Amino acid sequence: MASQNGTDLGVCAWADNSSLVMVMSAPEEGKRPDLDRLAGDTRDLRAEAEVPK
């Protein structure tokens, strides 16, 4: 989790031999980030972005 101007942001990341990707999510006002959802969304993005070698 990170904070910007007093707002908590969810942060997930992955790295491999050719990339470093960070995904950030801002929650609805007054709420905390849903880290489980962010992690799932990040896994889905990684699955789409990976290219078989």
PDB file of N, CA and C in Angstrom:
ATOM      1  N   MET A   1       0.848  -1.155   0.000  1.00  0.00           N
ATOM      2  CA  MET A   1       0.000   0.000   0.000  1.00  0.00           C
ATOM      3  C   MET A   1       0.898   1.225   0.000  1.00  0.00           C
ATOM      4  N   ALA A   2       0.452   2.244  -0.704  1.00  0.00           N
ATOM      5  CA  ALA A   2       1.157   3.516  -0.763  1.00  0.00           C
ATOM      6  C   ALA A   2       0.167   4.615  -0.388  1.00  0.00           C
ATOM      7  N   SER A   3       0.665   5.802  -0.175  1.00  0.00           N
ATOM      8  CA  SER A   3      -0.210   6.919   0.165  1.00  0.00           C
ATOM      9  C   SER A   3       0.182   8.127  -0.667  1.00  0.00           C
ATOM     10  N   GLN A   4      -0.841   8.837  -1.162  1.00  0.00           N
ATOM     11  CA  GLN A   4      -0.590  10.054  -1.927  1.00  0.00           C
ATOM     12  C   GLN A   4      -1.603  11.094  -1.477  1.00  0.00           C
ATOM     13  N   ASN A   5      -1.128  12.207  -1.016  1.00  0.00           N
ATOM     14  CA  ASN A   5      -1.989  13.293  -0.536  1.00  0.00           C
ATOM     15  C   ASN A   5      -3.014  12.800   0.475  1.00  0.00           C
ATOM     16  N   GLY A   6      -2.605  11.868   1.346  1.00  0.00           N
ATOM     17  CA  GLY A   6      -3.482  11.369   2.383  1.00  0.00           C
ATOM     18  C   GLY A   6      -4.441  10.276   1.949  1.00  0.00           C
ATOM     19  N   THR A   7      -4.353   9.851   0.694  1.00  0.00           N
ATOM     20  CA  THR A   7      -5.210   8.777   0.185  1.00  0.00           C
ATOM     21  C   THR A   7      -4.397   7.507   0.060  1.00  0.00           C
ATOM     22  N   ASP A   8      -4.903   6.409   0.635  1.00  0.00           N
ATOM     23  CA  ASP A   8      -4.223   5.116   0.497  1.00  0.00           C
ATOM     24  C   ASP A   8      -4.470   4.554  -0.890  1.00  0.00           C
ATOM     25  N   LEU A   9      -3.407   4.079  -1.520  1.00  0.00           N
ATOM     26  CA  LEU A   9      -3.479   3.466  -2.839  1.00  0.00           C
ATOM     27  C   LEU A   9      -3.035   2.012  -2.737  1.00  0.00           C
ATOM     28  N   GLY A  10      -3.724   1.132  -3.430  1.00  0.00           N
ATOM     29  CA  GLY A  10      -3.283  -0.253  -3.502  1.00  0.00           C
ATOM     30  C   GLY A  10      -2.225  -0.381  -4.585  1.00  0.00           C
ATOM     31  N   VAL A  11      -1.192  -1.181  -4.326  1.00  0.00           N
ATOM     32  CA  VAL A  11      -0.108  -1.363  -5.289  1.00  0.00           C
ATOM     33  C   VAL A  11       0.234  -2.843  -5.376  1.00  0.00           C
ATOM     34  N   CYS A  12       0.241  -3.385  -6.584  1.00  0.00           N
ATOM     35  CA  CYS A  12       0.715  -4.746  -6.842  1.00  0.00           C
ATOM     36  C   CYS A  12       1.749  -4.654  -7.960  1.00  0.00           C
ATOM     37  N   ALA A  13       2.694  -5.580  -7.967  1.00  0.00           N
ATOM     38  CA  ALA A  13       3.741  -5.542  -8.985  1.00  0.00           C
ATOM     39  C   ALA A  13       4.220  -6.940  -9.303  1.00  0.00           C
ATOM     40  N   TRP A  14       4.817  -7.078 -10.488  1.00  0.00           N
ATOM     41  CA  TRP A  14       5.531  -8.298 -10.830  1.00  0.00           C
ATOM     42  C   TRP A  14       6.716  -7.931 -11.703  1.00  0.00           C
ATOM     43  N   ALA A  15       7.683  -8.791 -11.708  1.00  0.00           N
ATOM     44  CA  ALA A  15       8.882  -8.582 -12.522  1.00  0.00           C
ATOM     45  C   ALA A  15       9.326  -9.922 -13.065  1.00  0.00           C
ATOM     46  N   ASP A  16       9.871  -9.888 -14.265  1.00  0.00           N
ATOM     47  CA  ASP A  16      10.499 -11.075 -14.840  1.00  0.00           C
ATOM     48  C   ASP A  16      11.768 -10.619 -15.542  1.00  0.00           C
ATOM     49  N   ASN A  17      12.311 -11.431 -16.406  1.00  0.00           N
ATOM     50  CA  ASN A  17      13.601 -11.075 -17.003  1.00  0.00           C
ATOM     51  C   ASN A  17      13.505  -9.965 -18.046  1.00  0.00           C
ATOM     52  N   SER A  18      12.296  -9.529 -18.410  1.00  0.00           N
ATOM     53  CA  SER A  18      12.198  -8.481 -19.417  1.00  0.00           C
ATOM     54  C   SER A  18      11.273  -7.329 -19.031  1.00  0.00           C
ATOM     55  N   SER A  19      10.648  -7.391 -17.865  1.00  0.00           N
ATOM     56  CA  SER A  19       9.738  -6.305 -17.512  1.00  0.00           C
ATOM     57  C   SER A  19       9.572  -6.163 -15.999  1.00  0.00           C
ATOM     58  N   LEU A  20       9.148  -4.964 -15.628  1.00  0.00           N
ATOM     59  CA  LEU A  20       8.749  -4.654 -14.266  1.00  0.00           C
ATOM     60  C   LEU A  20       7.442  -3.888 -14.399  1.00  0.00           C
ATOM     61  N   VAL A  21       6.374  -4.418 -13.810  1.00  0.00           N
ATOM     62  CA  VAL A  21       5.055  -3.814 -13.954  1.00  0.00           C
ATOM     63  C   VAL A  21       4.474  -3.536 -12.574  1.00  0.00           C
ATOM     64  N   MET A  22       3.977  -2.312 -12.389  1.00  0.00           N
ATOM     65  CA  MET A  22       3.298  -1.946 -11.145  1.00  0.00           C
ATOM     66  C   MET A  22       1.881  -1.516 -11.501  1.00  0.00           C
ATOM     67  N   VAL A  23       0.914  -2.023 -10.746  1.00  0.00           N
ATOM     68  CA  VAL A  23      -0.490  -1.681 -10.942  1.00  0.00           C
ATOM     69  C   VAL A  23      -0.959  -0.984  -9.678  1.00  0.00           C
ATOM     70  N   MET A  24      -1.534   0.212  -9.847  1.00  0.00           N
ATOM     71  CA  MET A  24      -2.014   0.977  -8.689  1.00  0.00           C
ATOM     72  C   MET A  24      -3.518   1.165  -8.811  1.00  0.00           C
ATOM     73  N   SER A  25      -4.160   1.198  -7.647  1.00  0.00           N
ATOM     74  CA  SER A  25      -5.612   1.359  -7.612  1.00  0.00           C
ATOM     75  C   SER A  25      -5.986   2.354  -6.530  1.00  0.00           C
ATOM     76  N   ALA A  26      -6.787   3.344  -6.902  1.00  0.00           N
ATOM     77  CA  ALA A  26      -7.305   4.303  -5.925  1.00  0.00           C
ATOM     78  C   ALA A  26      -8.707   3.850  -5.530  1.00  0.00           C
ATOM     79  N   PRO A  27      -8.999   3.820  -4.259  1.00  0.00           N
ATOM     80  CA  PRO A  27     -10.320   3.370  -3.803  1.00  0.00           C
ATOM     81  C   PRO A  27     -11.372   4.467  -3.947  1.00  0.00           C
ATOM     82  N   GLU A  28     -12.614   4.061  -3.727  1.00  0.00           N
ATOM     83  CA  GLU A  28     -13.673   5.054  -3.642  1.00  0.00           C
ATOM     84  C   GLU A  28     -13.387   5.949  -2.441  1.00  0.00           C
ATOM     85  N   GLU A  29     -13.837   7.180  -2.498  1.00  0.00           N
ATOM     86  CA  GLU A  29     -13.549   8.140  -1.430  1.00  0.00           C
ATOM     87  C   GLU A  29     -14.011   7.607  -0.077  1.00  0.00           C
ATOM     88  N   GLY A  30     -13.120   7.696   0.890  1.00  0.00           N
ATOM     89  CA  GLY A  30     -13.439   7.278   2.244  1.00  0.00           C
ATOM     90  C   GLY A  30     -13.267   5.793   2.498  1.00  0.00           C
ATOM     91  N   LYS A  31     -12.857   5.036   1.493  1.00  0.00           N
ATOM     92  CA  LYS A  31     -12.677   3.591   1.666  1.00  0.00           C
ATOM     93  C   LYS A  31     -11.214   3.227   1.478  1.00  0.00           C
ATOM     94  N   ARG A  32     -10.860   2.029   1.944  1.00  0.00           N
ATOM     95  CA  ARG A  32      -9.508   1.515   1.743  1.00  0.00           C
ATOM     96  C   ARG A  32      -9.486   0.703   0.451  1.00  0.00           C
ATOM     97  N   PRO A  33      -8.327   0.584  -0.187  1.00  0.00           N
ATOM     98  CA  PRO A  33      -8.233  -0.208  -1.409  1.00  0.00           C
ATOM     99  C   PRO A  33      -8.589  -1.677  -1.146  1.00  0.00           C
ATOM    100  N   ASP A  34      -9.244  -2.309  -2.108  1.00  0.00           N
ATOM    101  CA  ASP A  34      -9.557  -3.741  -2.039  1.00  0.00           C
ATOM    102  C   ASP A  34      -8.346  -4.485  -2.601  1.00  0.00           C
ATOM    103  N   LEU A  35      -7.426  -4.886  -1.721  1.00  0.00           N
ATOM    104  CA  LEU A  35      -6.166  -5.487  -2.162  1.00  0.00           C
ATOM    105  C   LEU A  35      -6.377  -6.861  -2.780  1.00  0.00           C
ATOM    106  N   ASP A  36      -7.363  -7.622  -2.319  1.00  0.00           N
ATOM    107  CA  ASP A  36      -7.640  -8.926  -2.927  1.00  0.00           C
ATOM    108  C   ASP A  36      -8.091  -8.761  -4.378  1.00  0.00           C
ATOM    109  N   ARG A  37      -8.950  -7.794  -4.614  1.00  0.00           N
ATOM    110  CA  ARG A  37      -9.407  -7.538  -5.990  1.00  0.00           C
ATOM    111  C   ARG A  37      -8.247  -7.052  -6.859  1.00  0.00           C
ATOM    112  N   LEU A  38      -7.452  -6.147  -6.314  1.00  0.00           N
ATOM    113  CA  LEU A  38      -6.297  -5.629  -7.057  1.00  0.00           C
ATOM    114  C   LEU A  38      -5.333  -6.751  -7.406  1.00  0.00           C
ATOM    115  N   ALA A  39      -5.082  -7.657  -6.464  1.00  0.00           N
ATOM    116  CA  ALA A  39      -4.180  -8.786  -6.731  1.00  0.00           C
ATOM    117  C   ALA A  39      -4.738  -9.664  -7.843  1.00  0.00           C
ATOM    118  N   GLY A  40      -6.033  -9.940  -7.807  1.00  0.00           N
ATOM    119  CA  GLY A  40      -6.658 -10.746  -8.860  1.00  0.00           C
ATOM    120  C   GLY A  40      -6.590 -10.060 -10.212  1.00  0.00           C
ATOM    121  N   ASP A  41      -6.872  -8.760 -10.240  1.00  0.00           N
ATOM    122  CA  ASP A  41      -6.789  -8.001 -11.493  1.00  0.00           C
ATOM    123  C   ASP A  41      -5.360  -7.999 -12.031  1.00  0.00           C
ATOM    124  N   THR A  42      -4.380  -7.890 -11.137  1.00  0.00           N
ATOM    125  CA  THR A  42      -2.976  -7.890 -11.555  1.00  0.00           C
ATOM    126  C   THR A  42      -2.585  -9.250 -12.125  1.00  0.00           C
ATOM    127  N   ARG A  43      -3.032 -10.336 -11.485  1.00  0.00           N
ATOM    128  CA  ARG A  43      -2.762 -11.677 -12.023  1.00  0.00           C
ATOM    129  C   ARG A  43      -3.374 -11.837 -13.409  1.00  0.00           C
ATOM    130  N   ASP A  44      -4.601 -11.343 -13.591  1.00  0.00           N
ATOM    131  CA  ASP A  44      -5.256 -11.422 -14.898  1.00  0.00           C
ATOM    132  C   ASP A  44      -4.482 -10.627 -15.946  1.00  0.00           C
ATOM    133  N   LEU A  45      -4.034  -9.436 -15.581  1.00  0.00           N
ATOM    134  CA  LEU A  45      -3.251  -8.611 -16.509  1.00  0.00           C
ATOM    135  C   LEU A  45      -1.959  -9.309 -16.888  1.00  0.00           C
ATOM    136  N   ARG A  46      -1.291  -9.898 -15.903  1.00  0.00           N
ATOM    137  CA  ARG A  46      -0.041 -10.611 -16.190  1.00  0.00           C
ATOM    138  C   ARG A  46      -0.277 -11.766 -17.152  1.00  0.00           C
ATOM    139  N   ALA A  47      -1.353 -12.521 -16.946  1.00  0.00           N
ATOM    140  CA  ALA A  47      -1.664 -13.649 -17.829  1.00  0.00           C
ATOM    141  C   ALA A  47      -1.874 -13.183 -19.269  1.00  0.00           C
ATOM    142  N   GLU A  48      -2.488 -12.000 -19.436  1.00  0.00           N
ATOM    143  CA  GLU A  48      -2.710 -11.461 -20.786  1.00  0.00           C
ATOM    144  C   GLU A  48      -1.423 -10.904 -21.392  1.00  0.00           C
ATOM    145  N   ALA A  49      -0.570 -10.343 -20.570  1.00  0.00           N
ATOM    146  CA  ALA A  49       0.627  -9.660 -21.062  1.00  0.00           C
ATOM    147  C   ALA A  49       1.788 -10.606 -21.375  1.00  0.00           C
ATOM    148  N   GLU A  50       1.836 -11.756 -20.709  1.00  0.00           N
ATOM    149  CA  GLU A  50       2.966 -12.669 -20.906  1.00  0.00           C
ATOM    150  C   GLU A  50       2.960 -13.264 -22.314  1.00  0.00           C
ATOM    151  N   VAL A  51       4.144 -13.348 -22.876  1.00  0.00           N
ATOM    152  CA  VAL A  51       4.322 -13.930 -24.200  1.00  0.00           C
ATOM    153  C   VAL A  51       5.152 -15.200 -24.027  1.00  0.00           C
ATOM    154  N   PRO A  52       4.629 -16.339 -24.486  1.00  0.00           N
ATOM    155  CA  PRO A  52       5.413 -17.580 -24.365  1.00  0.00           C
ATOM    156  C   PRO A  52       6.731 -17.463 -25.129  1.00  0.00           C
ATOM    157  N   LYS A  53       7.772 -18.061 -24.567  1.00  0.00           N
ATOM    158  CA  LYS A  53       9.089 -17.993 -25.223  1.00  0.00           C
ATOM    159  C   LYS A  53       9.441 -19.326 -25.804  1.00  0.00           C
TER     160      LYS A  53
END
